[in-house]
Amino acid sequence: MTTIYFVRHASPNFNNHDDSTRELSAQGLEDRKRVTKFLWNKDIDVVLSSPYKRAVDTIKEFADAKKLEIRLMDDFRERKVENKWIEDFNGFCKKQWEDFDFKLSDGESLREVQSRNISALNQVLETYHGKNVVIGSHGTALSTIINYFDPSFGYNEFNEIKNIMPWIVKFSFENNRCLGIRKYIVTG
């Protein structure tokens, strides 16, 4: 059995519009303590992450305390929306969930994000078979992974979790077959 804990990052500083360098807010820095507490007794063997700062920083306190290196995997990064800030983000998200191939000129479709993330997940399942793994992740990227294994997870479910940060989703696998998905809202 391989267990994967995807950790959606804590609350970021939305004043920083650069997706890759967006840091955690003061609240996010505080909330990552809840992530550490949740993961503490899970016998984690490996810590991986999207390369984006907010994802790494959300799991860094845990990894440091357990003396585990965070290995970056570029394919777990968040969806690229566009080269500019999107004002009507909710409308954009709804369009993408209604049409998995919809994207802006410089962005990615949800199908592309899902394909990239599932490919990375399959690499993890092969490399770390039988291990307990933490992966620092993002709301949309993680939602497309859930959707891959549970197609009933769509826009409405995404909309319900879009402001939950941090958020942890546990996947249990036997080889590459998903046996279960459990979602956790970590509280203090």
N, C-alpha and C. Protein backbone atom coordinates (compact mmCIF):
# COMPACT_ATOMS: atom_id res chain seq x y z
N MET A 1 0.84 -1.18 0.00
CA MET A 1 0.00 0.00 0.00
C MET A 1 0.88 1.24 0.00
N THR A 2 0.56 2.16 -0.89
CA THR A 2 1.24 3.46 -0.94
C THR A 2 0.22 4.52 -0.52
N THR A 3 0.63 5.38 0.39
CA THR A 3 -0.25 6.44 0.86
C THR A 3 0.35 7.78 0.47
N ILE A 4 -0.46 8.60 -0.19
CA ILE A 4 -0.03 9.92 -0.62
C ILE A 4 -0.88 10.96 0.09
N TYR A 5 -0.23 11.89 0.78
CA TYR A 5 -0.92 13.02 1.39
C TYR A 5 -0.61 14.25 0.54
N PHE A 6 -1.59 14.69 -0.24
CA PHE A 6 -1.44 15.95 -0.96
C PHE A 6 -1.81 17.07 0.00
N VAL A 7 -0.93 18.05 0.13
CA VAL A 7 -1.17 19.19 1.02
C VAL A 7 -1.34 20.43 0.16
N ARG A 8 -2.57 20.90 0.09
CA ARG A 8 -2.81 22.17 -0.60
C ARG A 8 -2.24 23.27 0.30
N HIS A 9 -1.50 24.18 -0.30
CA HIS A 9 -0.79 25.21 0.45
C HIS A 9 -1.70 26.02 1.38
N ALA A 10 -1.09 26.61 2.38
CA ALA A 10 -1.77 27.52 3.29
C ALA A 10 -2.03 28.85 2.58
N SER A 11 -2.70 29.75 3.26
CA SER A 11 -3.10 31.03 2.67
C SER A 11 -1.90 31.84 2.17
N PRO A 12 -1.92 32.21 0.86
CA PRO A 12 -0.80 32.97 0.31
C PRO A 12 -1.02 34.48 0.40
N ASN A 13 0.01 35.20 0.08
CA ASN A 13 -0.06 36.66 -0.03
C ASN A 13 -0.57 36.99 -1.43
N PHE A 14 -1.85 37.30 -1.54
CA PHE A 14 -2.44 37.57 -2.85
C PHE A 14 -1.99 38.89 -3.47
N ASN A 15 -1.26 39.70 -2.71
CA ASN A 15 -0.72 40.94 -3.28
C ASN A 15 0.45 40.65 -4.21
N ASN A 16 1.04 39.49 -4.07
CA ASN A 16 2.12 39.06 -4.96
C ASN A 16 1.47 38.28 -6.10
N HIS A 17 1.49 38.83 -7.30
CA HIS A 17 0.83 38.22 -8.45
C HIS A 17 1.72 37.27 -9.23
N ASP A 18 2.95 37.06 -8.77
CA ASP A 18 3.86 36.11 -9.42
C ASP A 18 3.62 34.72 -8.84
N ASP A 19 3.05 33.85 -9.67
CA ASP A 19 2.62 32.54 -9.21
C ASP A 19 3.75 31.73 -8.57
N SER A 20 4.94 31.78 -9.14
CA SER A 20 6.02 30.92 -8.65
C SER A 20 6.65 31.42 -7.35
N THR A 21 6.62 32.73 -7.10
CA THR A 21 7.27 33.28 -5.91
C THR A 21 6.28 33.72 -4.83
N ARG A 22 4.98 33.56 -5.08
CA ARG A 22 3.97 34.00 -4.09
C ARG A 22 4.20 33.27 -2.77
N GLU A 23 4.48 34.05 -1.74
CA GLU A 23 4.79 33.52 -0.43
C GLU A 23 3.51 33.35 0.38
N LEU A 24 3.64 32.73 1.55
CA LEU A 24 2.51 32.60 2.45
C LEU A 24 2.23 33.93 3.14
N SER A 25 0.98 34.16 3.46
CA SER A 25 0.59 35.32 4.26
C SER A 25 0.98 35.05 5.71
N ALA A 26 0.82 36.04 6.57
CA ALA A 26 1.08 35.83 8.01
C ALA A 26 0.19 34.72 8.53
N GLN A 27 -1.07 34.69 8.10
CA GLN A 27 -1.99 33.62 8.52
C GLN A 27 -1.51 32.26 7.99
N GLY A 28 -1.04 32.24 6.75
CA GLY A 28 -0.53 31.01 6.16
C GLY A 28 0.67 30.46 6.92
N LEU A 29 1.56 31.35 7.34
CA LEU A 29 2.72 30.92 8.12
C LEU A 29 2.28 30.30 9.44
N GLU A 30 1.25 30.86 10.03
CA GLU A 30 0.72 30.32 11.28
C GLU A 30 0.02 28.97 11.03
N ASP A 31 -0.76 28.91 9.95
CA ASP A 31 -1.56 27.71 9.66
C ASP A 31 -0.71 26.50 9.29
N ARG A 32 0.50 26.71 8.83
CA ARG A 32 1.32 25.55 8.47
C ARG A 32 1.67 24.71 9.69
N LYS A 33 1.55 25.30 10.87
CA LYS A 33 1.74 24.53 12.10
C LYS A 33 0.69 23.42 12.20
N ARG A 34 -0.51 23.70 11.71
CA ARG A 34 -1.58 22.69 11.72
C ARG A 34 -1.22 21.54 10.78
N VAL A 35 -0.56 21.85 9.68
CA VAL A 35 -0.11 20.81 8.74
C VAL A 35 0.92 19.92 9.42
N THR A 36 1.88 20.53 10.08
CA THR A 36 2.91 19.77 10.81
C THR A 36 2.27 18.86 11.84
N LYS A 37 1.33 19.40 12.60
CA LYS A 37 0.65 18.61 13.64
C LYS A 37 -0.10 17.43 13.02
N PHE A 38 -0.81 17.67 11.91
CA PHE A 38 -1.58 16.61 11.25
C PHE A 38 -0.66 15.49 10.74
N LEU A 39 0.45 15.86 10.12
CA LEU A 39 1.34 14.88 9.49
C LEU A 39 2.27 14.18 10.48
N TRP A 40 2.42 14.72 11.67
CA TRP A 40 3.48 14.31 12.59
C TRP A 40 3.57 12.81 12.81
N ASN A 41 2.45 12.14 13.02
CA ASN A 41 2.49 10.71 13.37
C ASN A 41 2.11 9.81 12.19
N LYS A 42 2.27 10.29 10.98
CA LYS A 42 1.86 9.53 9.80
C LYS A 42 2.99 8.68 9.20
N ASP A 43 4.11 8.59 9.84
CA ASP A 43 5.25 7.78 9.37
C ASP A 43 5.63 8.12 7.93
N ILE A 44 5.82 9.39 7.67
CA ILE A 44 6.14 9.87 6.33
C ILE A 44 7.57 9.48 5.97
N ASP A 45 7.73 8.91 4.78
CA ASP A 45 9.05 8.50 4.28
C ASP A 45 9.67 9.53 3.35
N VAL A 46 8.83 10.23 2.59
CA VAL A 46 9.31 11.09 1.51
C VAL A 46 8.47 12.36 1.46
N VAL A 47 9.12 13.49 1.21
CA VAL A 47 8.41 14.77 1.05
C VAL A 47 8.77 15.34 -0.31
N LEU A 48 7.74 15.56 -1.12
CA LEU A 48 7.87 16.13 -2.45
C LEU A 48 7.05 17.41 -2.51
N SER A 49 7.28 18.23 -3.53
CA SER A 49 6.47 19.44 -3.64
C SER A 49 6.52 20.02 -5.04
N SER A 50 5.47 20.74 -5.34
CA SER A 50 5.50 21.70 -6.44
C SER A 50 6.66 22.64 -6.15
N PRO A 51 7.28 23.21 -7.17
CA PRO A 51 8.38 24.14 -6.91
C PRO A 51 7.92 25.52 -6.43
N TYR A 52 6.62 25.79 -6.43
CA TYR A 52 6.12 27.12 -6.07
C TYR A 52 6.30 27.35 -4.57
N LYS A 53 6.76 28.54 -4.23
CA LYS A 53 7.16 28.88 -2.87
C LYS A 53 6.08 28.58 -1.83
N ARG A 54 4.83 28.93 -2.10
CA ARG A 54 3.77 28.73 -1.10
C ARG A 54 3.54 27.25 -0.79
N ALA A 55 3.72 26.39 -1.79
CA ALA A 55 3.56 24.94 -1.57
C ALA A 55 4.72 24.40 -0.74
N VAL A 56 5.93 24.79 -1.10
CA VAL A 56 7.12 24.35 -0.35
C VAL A 56 7.05 24.84 1.10
N ASP A 57 6.73 26.12 1.28
CA ASP A 57 6.74 26.69 2.62
C ASP A 57 5.67 26.10 3.53
N THR A 58 4.59 25.61 2.95
CA THR A 58 3.52 25.01 3.76
C THR A 58 3.97 23.71 4.41
N ILE A 59 4.84 22.95 3.76
CA ILE A 59 5.29 21.67 4.31
C ILE A 59 6.72 21.73 4.86
N LYS A 60 7.36 22.87 4.72
CA LYS A 60 8.77 23.01 5.13
C LYS A 60 8.97 22.80 6.63
N GLU A 61 8.11 23.37 7.45
CA GLU A 61 8.24 23.21 8.90
C GLU A 61 8.21 21.73 9.28
N PHE A 62 7.27 20.98 8.68
CA PHE A 62 7.18 19.55 8.95
C PHE A 62 8.45 18.82 8.49
N ALA A 63 8.85 19.08 7.25
CA ALA A 63 10.02 18.40 6.69
C ALA A 63 11.27 18.69 7.51
N ASP A 64 11.45 19.94 7.88
CA ASP A 64 12.62 20.31 8.69
C ASP A 64 12.60 19.60 10.04
N ALA A 65 11.44 19.58 10.69
CA ALA A 65 11.34 18.95 12.01
C ALA A 65 11.62 17.45 11.94
N LYS A 66 11.23 16.81 10.84
CA LYS A 66 11.45 15.38 10.66
C LYS A 66 12.77 15.07 9.96
N LYS A 67 13.52 16.14 9.62
CA LYS A 67 14.81 16.00 8.93
C LYS A 67 14.66 15.26 7.60
N LEU A 68 13.61 15.64 6.86
CA LEU A 68 13.36 15.09 5.52
C LEU A 68 13.59 16.16 4.48
N GLU A 69 14.30 15.80 3.43
CA GLU A 69 14.55 16.72 2.33
C GLU A 69 13.27 16.89 1.52
N ILE A 70 12.99 18.11 1.07
CA ILE A 70 11.87 18.35 0.17
C ILE A 70 12.41 18.26 -1.25
N ARG A 71 11.91 17.29 -2.00
CA ARG A 71 12.32 17.13 -3.40
C ARG A 71 11.28 17.79 -4.29
N LEU A 72 11.73 18.69 -5.14
CA LEU A 72 10.81 19.44 -6.01
C LEU A 72 10.49 18.65 -7.26
N MET A 73 9.22 18.67 -7.63
CA MET A 73 8.76 18.04 -8.87
C MET A 73 7.97 19.09 -9.64
N ASP A 74 8.56 19.57 -10.72
CA ASP A 74 7.97 20.66 -11.50
C ASP A 74 6.56 20.33 -11.99
N ASP A 75 6.30 19.08 -12.31
CA ASP A 75 4.99 18.73 -12.87
C ASP A 75 3.86 18.79 -11.85
N PHE A 76 4.16 18.99 -10.57
CA PHE A 76 3.11 19.19 -9.58
C PHE A 76 2.76 20.67 -9.40
N ARG A 77 3.34 21.54 -10.23
CA ARG A 77 3.04 22.96 -10.12
C ARG A 77 1.56 23.23 -10.42
N GLU A 78 1.12 24.42 -10.05
CA GLU A 78 -0.26 24.83 -10.28
C GLU A 78 -0.47 25.14 -11.76
N ARG A 79 -1.72 25.15 -12.13
CA ARG A 79 -2.12 25.48 -13.51
C ARG A 79 -1.64 26.88 -13.87
N LYS A 80 -1.15 27.02 -15.09
CA LYS A 80 -0.80 28.34 -15.60
C LYS A 80 -2.08 28.93 -16.17
N VAL A 81 -2.48 30.07 -15.64
CA VAL A 81 -3.72 30.71 -16.06
C VAL A 81 -3.48 31.60 -17.28
N GLU A 82 -2.53 32.50 -17.17
CA GLU A 82 -2.27 33.51 -18.20
C GLU A 82 -1.03 34.27 -17.75
N ASN A 83 -0.51 35.10 -18.61
CA ASN A 83 0.65 35.91 -18.22
C ASN A 83 0.26 37.20 -17.52
N LYS A 84 -1.01 37.31 -17.16
CA LYS A 84 -1.48 38.50 -16.44
C LYS A 84 -2.49 38.04 -15.39
N TRP A 85 -2.77 38.94 -14.44
CA TRP A 85 -3.73 38.66 -13.37
C TRP A 85 -5.14 38.61 -13.95
N ILE A 86 -5.94 37.62 -13.55
CA ILE A 86 -7.31 37.46 -14.04
C ILE A 86 -8.25 38.07 -13.00
N GLU A 87 -9.00 39.10 -13.40
CA GLU A 87 -9.90 39.77 -12.46
C GLU A 87 -11.12 38.90 -12.13
N ASP A 88 -11.76 38.30 -13.15
CA ASP A 88 -12.94 37.45 -12.91
C ASP A 88 -12.49 36.00 -12.81
N PHE A 89 -11.78 35.70 -11.74
CA PHE A 89 -11.21 34.37 -11.59
C PHE A 89 -12.30 33.31 -11.44
N ASN A 90 -13.38 33.64 -10.74
CA ASN A 90 -14.46 32.67 -10.56
C ASN A 90 -15.11 32.31 -11.89
N GLY A 91 -15.36 33.30 -12.73
CA GLY A 91 -15.93 33.04 -14.05
C GLY A 91 -15.00 32.19 -14.90
N PHE A 92 -13.71 32.51 -14.84
CA PHE A 92 -12.71 31.75 -15.58
C PHE A 92 -12.70 30.29 -15.12
N CYS A 93 -12.71 30.07 -13.81
CA CYS A 93 -12.69 28.70 -13.26
C CYS A 93 -13.92 27.92 -13.70
N LYS A 94 -15.07 28.56 -13.66
CA LYS A 94 -16.31 27.88 -14.05
C LYS A 94 -16.22 27.42 -15.52
N LYS A 95 -15.72 28.31 -16.38
CA LYS A 95 -15.55 27.94 -17.80
C LYS A 95 -14.63 26.74 -17.94
N GLN A 96 -13.55 26.72 -17.18
CA GLN A 96 -12.60 25.62 -17.29
C GLN A 96 -13.20 24.31 -16.82
N TRP A 97 -13.99 24.33 -15.75
CA TRP A 97 -14.60 23.10 -15.26
C TRP A 97 -15.71 22.63 -16.20
N GLU A 98 -16.35 23.55 -16.89
CA GLU A 98 -17.40 23.18 -17.84
C GLU A 98 -16.80 22.61 -19.12
N ASP A 99 -15.62 23.07 -19.48
CA ASP A 99 -14.92 22.62 -20.68
C ASP A 99 -13.46 22.37 -20.32
N PHE A 100 -13.09 21.12 -20.08
CA PHE A 100 -11.75 20.76 -19.62
C PHE A 100 -10.65 21.16 -20.61
N ASP A 101 -11.02 21.52 -21.84
CA ASP A 101 -10.04 21.94 -22.84
C ASP A 101 -9.93 23.46 -22.96
N PHE A 102 -10.77 24.22 -22.24
CA PHE A 102 -10.75 25.68 -22.31
C PHE A 102 -9.50 26.22 -21.64
N LYS A 103 -8.86 27.17 -22.34
CA LYS A 103 -7.70 27.86 -21.75
C LYS A 103 -7.54 29.21 -22.41
N LEU A 104 -6.83 30.09 -21.74
CA LEU A 104 -6.49 31.38 -22.31
C LEU A 104 -5.24 31.20 -23.17
N SER A 105 -4.91 32.20 -23.95
CA SER A 105 -3.85 32.04 -24.96
C SER A 105 -2.51 31.59 -24.38
N ASP A 106 -2.15 32.05 -23.19
CA ASP A 106 -0.87 31.68 -22.60
C ASP A 106 -1.03 30.74 -21.40
N GLY A 107 -2.19 30.10 -21.30
CA GLY A 107 -2.44 29.28 -20.13
C GLY A 107 -2.58 27.80 -20.45
N GLU A 108 -2.97 27.03 -19.43
CA GLU A 108 -3.18 25.60 -19.57
C GLU A 108 -4.66 25.27 -19.35
N SER A 109 -5.12 24.26 -20.03
CA SER A 109 -6.46 23.74 -19.79
C SER A 109 -6.40 22.81 -18.57
N LEU A 110 -7.56 22.51 -17.99
CA LEU A 110 -7.58 21.57 -16.88
C LEU A 110 -7.16 20.18 -17.32
N ARG A 111 -7.47 19.84 -18.57
CA ARG A 111 -7.03 18.53 -19.09
C ARG A 111 -5.51 18.45 -19.11
N GLU A 112 -4.85 19.53 -19.53
CA GLU A 112 -3.38 19.55 -19.55
C GLU A 112 -2.80 19.48 -18.13
N VAL A 113 -3.41 20.21 -17.21
CA VAL A 113 -2.95 20.19 -15.82
C VAL A 113 -3.12 18.79 -15.24
N GLN A 114 -4.28 18.20 -15.49
CA GLN A 114 -4.57 16.86 -14.98
C GLN A 114 -3.58 15.84 -15.56
N SER A 115 -3.35 15.91 -16.84
CA SER A 115 -2.43 14.97 -17.49
C SER A 115 -1.03 15.08 -16.90
N ARG A 116 -0.56 16.30 -16.72
CA ARG A 116 0.77 16.55 -16.17
C ARG A 116 0.88 16.04 -14.73
N ASN A 117 -0.15 16.32 -13.93
CA ASN A 117 -0.14 15.90 -12.53
C ASN A 117 -0.29 14.39 -12.37
N ILE A 118 -1.12 13.76 -13.18
CA ILE A 118 -1.29 12.31 -13.10
C ILE A 118 -0.02 11.60 -13.55
N SER A 119 0.64 12.13 -14.56
CA SER A 119 1.92 11.56 -15.00
C SER A 119 2.94 11.63 -13.85
N ALA A 120 3.00 12.78 -13.16
CA ALA A 120 3.92 12.92 -12.03
C ALA A 120 3.53 11.98 -10.90
N LEU A 121 2.24 11.85 -10.65
CA LEU A 121 1.77 10.94 -9.60
C LEU A 121 2.15 9.49 -9.92
N ASN A 122 2.01 9.10 -11.17
CA ASN A 122 2.40 7.74 -11.56
C ASN A 122 3.89 7.50 -11.34
N GLN A 123 4.71 8.51 -11.60
CA GLN A 123 6.15 8.40 -11.32
C GLN A 123 6.38 8.18 -9.82
N VAL A 124 5.66 8.93 -9.00
CA VAL A 124 5.78 8.82 -7.55
C VAL A 124 5.38 7.41 -7.10
N LEU A 125 4.27 6.91 -7.64
CA LEU A 125 3.78 5.59 -7.25
C LEU A 125 4.78 4.49 -7.63
N GLU A 126 5.46 4.69 -8.74
CA GLU A 126 6.47 3.71 -9.16
C GLU A 126 7.73 3.82 -8.31
N THR A 127 8.19 5.04 -8.09
CA THR A 127 9.45 5.27 -7.37
C THR A 127 9.33 4.98 -5.88
N TYR A 128 8.20 5.33 -5.29
CA TYR A 128 8.04 5.23 -3.84
C TYR A 128 6.97 4.21 -3.45
N HIS A 129 6.91 3.12 -4.18
CA HIS A 129 5.94 2.06 -3.93
C HIS A 129 6.02 1.59 -2.47
N GLY A 130 4.87 1.53 -1.80
CA GLY A 130 4.82 1.06 -0.43
C GLY A 130 5.21 2.09 0.62
N LYS A 131 5.46 3.32 0.21
CA LYS A 131 5.89 4.38 1.13
C LYS A 131 4.72 5.30 1.48
N ASN A 132 4.93 6.13 2.50
CA ASN A 132 4.02 7.21 2.87
C ASN A 132 4.65 8.51 2.39
N VAL A 133 3.95 9.22 1.53
CA VAL A 133 4.52 10.36 0.82
C VAL A 133 3.67 11.61 1.06
N VAL A 134 4.33 12.74 1.28
CA VAL A 134 3.67 14.04 1.34
C VAL A 134 4.04 14.79 0.06
N ILE A 135 3.03 15.45 -0.54
CA ILE A 135 3.28 16.26 -1.73
C ILE A 135 2.66 17.63 -1.53
N GLY A 136 3.49 18.68 -1.53
CA GLY A 136 3.00 20.06 -1.47
C GLY A 136 2.32 20.40 -2.79
N SER A 137 1.09 20.89 -2.70
CA SER A 137 0.29 21.04 -3.91
C SER A 137 -0.53 22.32 -3.89
N HIS A 138 -1.47 22.39 -4.84
CA HIS A 138 -2.29 23.57 -5.10
C HIS A 138 -3.74 23.17 -5.31
N GLY A 139 -4.63 24.12 -5.13
CA GLY A 139 -6.06 23.84 -5.21
C GLY A 139 -6.54 23.28 -6.53
N THR A 140 -6.19 23.92 -7.63
CA THR A 140 -6.67 23.45 -8.92
C THR A 140 -5.97 22.16 -9.33
N ALA A 141 -4.67 22.13 -9.19
CA ALA A 141 -3.92 20.93 -9.55
C ALA A 141 -4.43 19.71 -8.78
N LEU A 142 -4.60 19.87 -7.47
CA LEU A 142 -5.09 18.78 -6.64
C LEU A 142 -6.52 18.40 -7.03
N SER A 143 -7.35 19.38 -7.34
CA SER A 143 -8.74 19.10 -7.73
C SER A 143 -8.80 18.28 -9.01
N THR A 144 -7.89 18.53 -9.95
CA THR A 144 -7.89 17.74 -11.19
C THR A 144 -7.45 16.30 -10.92
N ILE A 145 -6.59 16.10 -9.93
CA ILE A 145 -6.18 14.74 -9.55
C ILE A 145 -7.38 14.01 -8.93
N ILE A 146 -8.08 14.68 -8.03
CA ILE A 146 -9.27 14.06 -7.44
C ILE A 146 -10.26 13.70 -8.55
N ASN A 147 -10.47 14.63 -9.48
CA ASN A 147 -11.42 14.41 -10.59
C ASN A 147 -11.03 13.21 -11.44
N TYR A 148 -9.74 12.98 -11.60
CA TYR A 148 -9.27 11.84 -12.40
C TYR A 148 -9.76 10.52 -11.80
N PHE A 149 -9.70 10.41 -10.48
CA PHE A 149 -10.11 9.18 -9.80
C PHE A 149 -11.59 9.19 -9.41
N ASP A 150 -12.18 10.36 -9.31
CA ASP A 150 -13.59 10.51 -8.95
C ASP A 150 -14.20 11.60 -9.83
N PRO A 151 -14.70 11.22 -11.03
CA PRO A 151 -15.22 12.21 -11.97
C PRO A 151 -16.41 13.02 -11.45
N SER A 152 -17.01 12.62 -10.33
CA SER A 152 -18.10 13.42 -9.77
C SER A 152 -17.57 14.71 -9.12
N PHE A 153 -16.25 14.78 -8.88
CA PHE A 153 -15.64 15.99 -8.32
C PHE A 153 -15.49 16.99 -9.47
N GLY A 154 -16.31 18.03 -9.45
CA GLY A 154 -16.31 19.02 -10.52
C GLY A 154 -16.28 20.43 -9.99
N TYR A 155 -16.87 21.34 -10.75
CA TYR A 155 -16.81 22.75 -10.39
C TYR A 155 -17.42 23.03 -9.02
N ASN A 156 -18.58 22.44 -8.72
CA ASN A 156 -19.23 22.72 -7.44
C ASN A 156 -18.34 22.31 -6.27
N GLU A 157 -17.71 21.15 -6.38
CA GLU A 157 -16.82 20.67 -5.32
C GLU A 157 -15.56 21.54 -5.25
N PHE A 158 -15.04 21.92 -6.41
CA PHE A 158 -13.89 22.83 -6.44
C PHE A 158 -14.25 24.15 -5.77
N ASN A 159 -15.42 24.66 -6.08
CA ASN A 159 -15.87 25.93 -5.53
C ASN A 159 -15.99 25.86 -4.01
N GLU A 160 -16.38 24.70 -3.49
CA GLU A 160 -16.51 24.52 -2.04
C GLU A 160 -15.16 24.54 -1.33
N ILE A 161 -14.10 24.11 -2.00
CA ILE A 161 -12.79 24.03 -1.33
C ILE A 161 -11.85 25.17 -1.70
N LYS A 162 -12.26 26.02 -2.65
CA LYS A 162 -11.29 27.00 -3.18
C LYS A 162 -10.72 27.94 -2.13
N ASN A 163 -11.44 28.16 -1.04
CA ASN A 163 -10.91 29.04 0.01
C ASN A 163 -10.42 28.28 1.24
N ILE A 164 -10.34 26.95 1.14
CA ILE A 164 -9.84 26.15 2.26
C ILE A 164 -8.34 25.96 2.08
N MET A 165 -7.59 26.63 2.92
CA MET A 165 -6.13 26.58 2.87
C MET A 165 -5.59 26.60 4.29
N PRO A 166 -4.82 25.65 4.70
CA PRO A 166 -4.40 24.46 3.96
C PRO A 166 -5.52 23.42 3.92
N TRP A 167 -5.33 22.45 3.05
CA TRP A 167 -6.30 21.36 2.87
C TRP A 167 -5.49 20.12 2.54
N ILE A 168 -5.82 18.99 3.14
CA ILE A 168 -5.05 17.76 2.93
C ILE A 168 -5.97 16.68 2.38
N VAL A 169 -5.50 16.01 1.34
CA VAL A 169 -6.24 14.91 0.74
C VAL A 169 -5.34 13.68 0.72
N LYS A 170 -5.85 12.62 1.35
CA LYS A 170 -5.10 11.36 1.46
C LYS A 170 -5.61 10.38 0.40
N PHE A 171 -4.69 9.88 -0.39
CA PHE A 171 -4.98 8.86 -1.40
C PHE A 171 -4.31 7.56 -0.97
N SER A 172 -5.04 6.47 -1.05
CA SER A 172 -4.47 5.15 -0.78
C SER A 172 -4.42 4.36 -2.08
N PHE A 173 -3.26 3.79 -2.38
CA PHE A 173 -3.06 3.08 -3.64
C PHE A 173 -2.54 1.67 -3.39
N GLU A 174 -3.00 0.76 -4.19
CA GLU A 174 -2.38 -0.56 -4.33
C GLU A 174 -1.86 -0.58 -5.75
N ASN A 175 -0.54 -0.56 -5.89
CA ASN A 175 0.10 -0.33 -7.19
C ASN A 175 -0.43 1.01 -7.71
N ASN A 176 -1.00 1.06 -8.92
CA ASN A 176 -1.51 2.33 -9.43
C ASN A 176 -3.02 2.45 -9.29
N ARG A 177 -3.63 1.53 -8.55
CA ARG A 177 -5.08 1.55 -8.39
C ARG A 177 -5.45 2.30 -7.12
N CYS A 178 -6.25 3.33 -7.28
CA CYS A 178 -6.67 4.14 -6.14
C CYS A 178 -7.74 3.38 -5.37
N LEU A 179 -7.46 3.12 -4.09
CA LEU A 179 -8.39 2.40 -3.23
C LEU A 179 -9.31 3.33 -2.45
N GLY A 180 -8.86 4.57 -2.28
CA GLY A 180 -9.68 5.50 -1.50
C GLY A 180 -9.11 6.90 -1.48
N ILE A 181 -10.01 7.85 -1.29
CA ILE A 181 -9.64 9.26 -1.17
C ILE A 181 -10.34 9.80 0.07
N ARG A 182 -9.57 10.43 0.95
CA ARG A 182 -10.15 11.03 2.14
C ARG A 182 -9.66 12.46 2.27
N LYS A 183 -10.60 13.38 2.52
CA LYS A 183 -10.28 14.81 2.57
C LYS A 183 -10.31 15.30 4.01
N TYR A 184 -9.32 16.15 4.36
CA TYR A 184 -9.20 16.66 5.72
C TYR A 184 -9.09 18.19 5.70
N ILE A 185 -9.88 18.81 6.52
CA ILE A 185 -9.69 20.23 6.81
C ILE A 185 -8.95 20.25 8.15
N VAL A 186 -7.72 20.69 8.12
CA VAL A 186 -6.89 20.63 9.34
C VAL A 186 -7.20 21.85 10.23
N THR A 187 -7.50 21.56 11.46
CA THR A 187 -7.81 22.61 12.41
C THR A 187 -6.81 22.59 13.54
N GLY A 188 -6.74 23.70 14.26
CA GLY A 188 -5.78 23.83 15.35
C GLY A 188 -6.10 22.97 16.47
